[in-house]
Amino acid sequence: MKPMWLSILSPLTDFANLIAGYFMEIWDFLIFIGNISAFVVVLVGAILWFTGVNDKRGKGLVLSGILLAIIIQYFVFYPPSFTL
């Protein structure tokens, strides 16, 4: 007779494997969306900063966009394995 926690663990593991499989299928699309969003954030920040509309928010958006681009490139170079 199996312990109770083993009968609960199997469906949870199956669910985690299912989610990991979905992430594997859409990983390239997620990286594409990340790159586009980093570009848009830097562009909007630069417009705000250089036009003088809101200097502080523009600088923050530019720095946040650069940080987002660096994080996205890290995940391009070192993608997760998606296996349990």
C-alpha atoms as a PDB file:
ATOM      1  CA  MET A   1       0.000   0.000   0.000  1.00  0.00           C
ATOM      2  CA  LYS A   2       1.375   3.421  -1.033  1.00  0.00           C
ATOM      3  CA  PRO A   3       1.666   6.267   1.423  1.00  0.00           C
ATOM      4  CA  MET A   4      -0.909   9.030   0.990  1.00  0.00           C
ATOM      5  CA  TRP A   5       1.623  11.698  -0.048  1.00  0.00           C
ATOM      6  CA  LEU A   6       2.768   9.609  -3.025  1.00  0.00           C
ATOM      7  CA  SER A   7      -0.738   9.485  -4.472  1.00  0.00           C
ATOM      8  CA  ILE A   8      -0.973  13.303  -4.194  1.00  0.00           C
ATOM      9  CA  LEU A   9       2.527  13.934  -5.536  1.00  0.00           C
ATOM     10  CA  SER A  10       1.988  12.179  -8.861  1.00  0.00           C
ATOM     11  CA  PRO A  11      -0.805  14.490 -10.164  1.00  0.00           C
ATOM     12  CA  LEU A  12       1.147  17.551  -8.996  1.00  0.00           C
ATOM     13  CA  THR A  13       4.233  16.347 -10.848  1.00  0.00           C
ATOM     14  CA  ASP A  14       2.147  15.702 -13.965  1.00  0.00           C
ATOM     15  CA  PHE A  15       0.705  19.217 -13.738  1.00  0.00           C
ATOM     16  CA  ALA A  16       4.183  20.762 -13.321  1.00  0.00           C
ATOM     17  CA  ASN A  17       5.428  18.798 -16.342  1.00  0.00           C
ATOM     18  CA  LEU A  18       2.445  20.015 -18.361  1.00  0.00           C
ATOM     19  CA  ILE A  19       3.167  23.666 -17.479  1.00  0.00           C
ATOM     20  CA  ALA A  20       6.865  23.173 -18.285  1.00  0.00           C
ATOM     21  CA  GLY A  21       5.894  21.739 -21.669  1.00  0.00           C
ATOM     22  CA  TYR A  22       3.763  24.796 -22.415  1.00  0.00           C
ATOM     23  CA  PHE A  23       6.637  27.106 -21.481  1.00  0.00           C
ATOM     24  CA  MET A  24       8.957  25.162 -23.818  1.00  0.00           C
ATOM     25  CA  GLU A  25       6.517  25.655 -26.680  1.00  0.00           C
ATOM     26  CA  ILE A  26       6.123  29.419 -26.207  1.00  0.00           C
ATOM     27  CA  TRP A  27       9.664  30.284 -25.004  1.00  0.00           C
ATOM     28  CA  ASP A  28      10.789  31.937 -28.263  1.00  0.00           C
ATOM     29  CA  PHE A  29       7.611  34.011 -28.367  1.00  0.00           C
ATOM     30  CA  LEU A  30       8.148  35.162 -24.773  1.00  0.00           C
ATOM     31  CA  ILE A  31      11.717  36.221 -25.605  1.00  0.00           C
ATOM     32  CA  PHE A  32      10.423  38.138 -28.643  1.00  0.00           C
ATOM     33  CA  ILE A  33       7.815  39.943 -26.521  1.00  0.00           C
ATOM     34  CA  GLY A  34      10.501  40.787 -23.945  1.00  0.00           C
ATOM     35  CA  ASN A  35      12.776  42.288 -26.582  1.00  0.00           C
ATOM     36  CA  ILE A  36       9.982  44.375 -28.083  1.00  0.00           C
ATOM     37  CA  SER A  37       8.860  45.626 -24.678  1.00  0.00           C
ATOM     38  CA  ALA A  38      12.421  46.583 -23.701  1.00  0.00           C
ATOM     39  CA  PHE A  39      12.747  48.578 -26.938  1.00  0.00           C
ATOM     40  CA  VAL A  40       9.408  50.332 -26.409  1.00  0.00           C
ATOM     41  CA  VAL A  41      10.198  51.212 -22.786  1.00  0.00           C
ATOM     42  CA  VAL A  42      13.578  52.702 -23.743  1.00  0.00           C
ATOM     43  CA  LEU A  43      12.021  54.595 -26.662  1.00  0.00           C
ATOM     44  CA  VAL A  44       9.216  56.100 -24.559  1.00  0.00           C
ATOM     45  CA  GLY A  45      11.679  56.939 -21.797  1.00  0.00           C
ATOM     46  CA  ALA A  46      14.010  58.669 -24.234  1.00  0.00           C
ATOM     47  CA  ILE A  47      11.139  60.692 -25.682  1.00  0.00           C
ATOM     48  CA  LEU A  48      10.021  61.783 -22.218  1.00  0.00           C
ATOM     49  CA  TRP A  49      13.571  62.563 -21.129  1.00  0.00           C
ATOM     50  CA  PHE A  50      14.826  64.455 -24.186  1.00  0.00           C
ATOM     51  CA  THR A  51      11.663  66.461 -24.808  1.00  0.00           C
ATOM     52  CA  GLY A  52      11.664  67.644 -21.211  1.00  0.00           C
ATOM     53  CA  VAL A  53       8.102  66.509 -20.561  1.00  0.00           C
ATOM     54  CA  ASN A  54       9.082  64.458 -17.517  1.00  0.00           C
ATOM     55  CA  ASP A  55      12.838  64.140 -17.042  1.00  0.00           C
ATOM     56  CA  LYS A  56      12.748  61.984 -13.918  1.00  0.00           C
ATOM     57  CA  ARG A  57      10.271  59.438 -15.294  1.00  0.00           C
ATOM     58  CA  GLY A  58      12.083  59.372 -18.646  1.00  0.00           C
ATOM     59  CA  LYS A  59      15.422  58.535 -17.021  1.00  0.00           C
ATOM     60  CA  GLY A  60      13.747  55.845 -14.960  1.00  0.00           C
ATOM     61  CA  LEU A  61      12.126  54.303 -18.009  1.00  0.00           C
ATOM     62  CA  VAL A  62      15.379  54.301 -19.953  1.00  0.00           C
ATOM     63  CA  LEU A  63      17.234  52.594 -17.105  1.00  0.00           C
ATOM     64  CA  SER A  64      14.373  50.118 -16.578  1.00  0.00           C
ATOM     65  CA  GLY A  65      14.300  49.276 -20.282  1.00  0.00           C
ATOM     66  CA  ILE A  66      18.038  48.660 -20.319  1.00  0.00           C
ATOM     67  CA  LEU A  67      17.727  46.427 -17.249  1.00  0.00           C
ATOM     68  CA  LEU A  68      14.874  44.510 -18.909  1.00  0.00           C
ATOM     69  CA  ALA A  69      16.959  44.041 -22.069  1.00  0.00           C
ATOM     70  CA  ILE A  70      19.887  42.700 -20.005  1.00  0.00           C
ATOM     71  CA  ILE A  71      17.634  40.227 -18.193  1.00  0.00           C
ATOM     72  CA  ILE A  72      16.102  39.056 -21.476  1.00  0.00           C
ATOM     73  CA  GLN A  73      19.557  38.536 -22.985  1.00  0.00           C
ATOM     74  CA  TYR A  74      20.577  36.507 -19.930  1.00  0.00           C
ATOM     75  CA  PHE A  75      17.634  34.170 -20.575  1.00  0.00           C
ATOM     76  CA  VAL A  76      18.609  33.972 -24.252  1.00  0.00           C
ATOM     77  CA  PHE A  77      22.145  32.888 -23.359  1.00  0.00           C
ATOM     78  CA  TYR A  78      21.137  30.600 -20.454  1.00  0.00           C
ATOM     79  CA  PRO A  79      17.590  29.284 -21.052  1.00  0.00           C
ATOM     80  CA  PRO A  80      15.974  27.178 -18.327  1.00  0.00           C
ATOM     81  CA  SER A  81      15.880  23.415 -18.839  1.00  0.00           C
ATOM     82  CA  PHE A  82      12.103  23.016 -18.203  1.00  0.00           C
ATOM     83  CA  THR A  83      12.572  19.527 -16.777  1.00  0.00           C
ATOM     84  CA  LEU A  84      11.725  18.292 -13.319  1.00  0.00           C
END
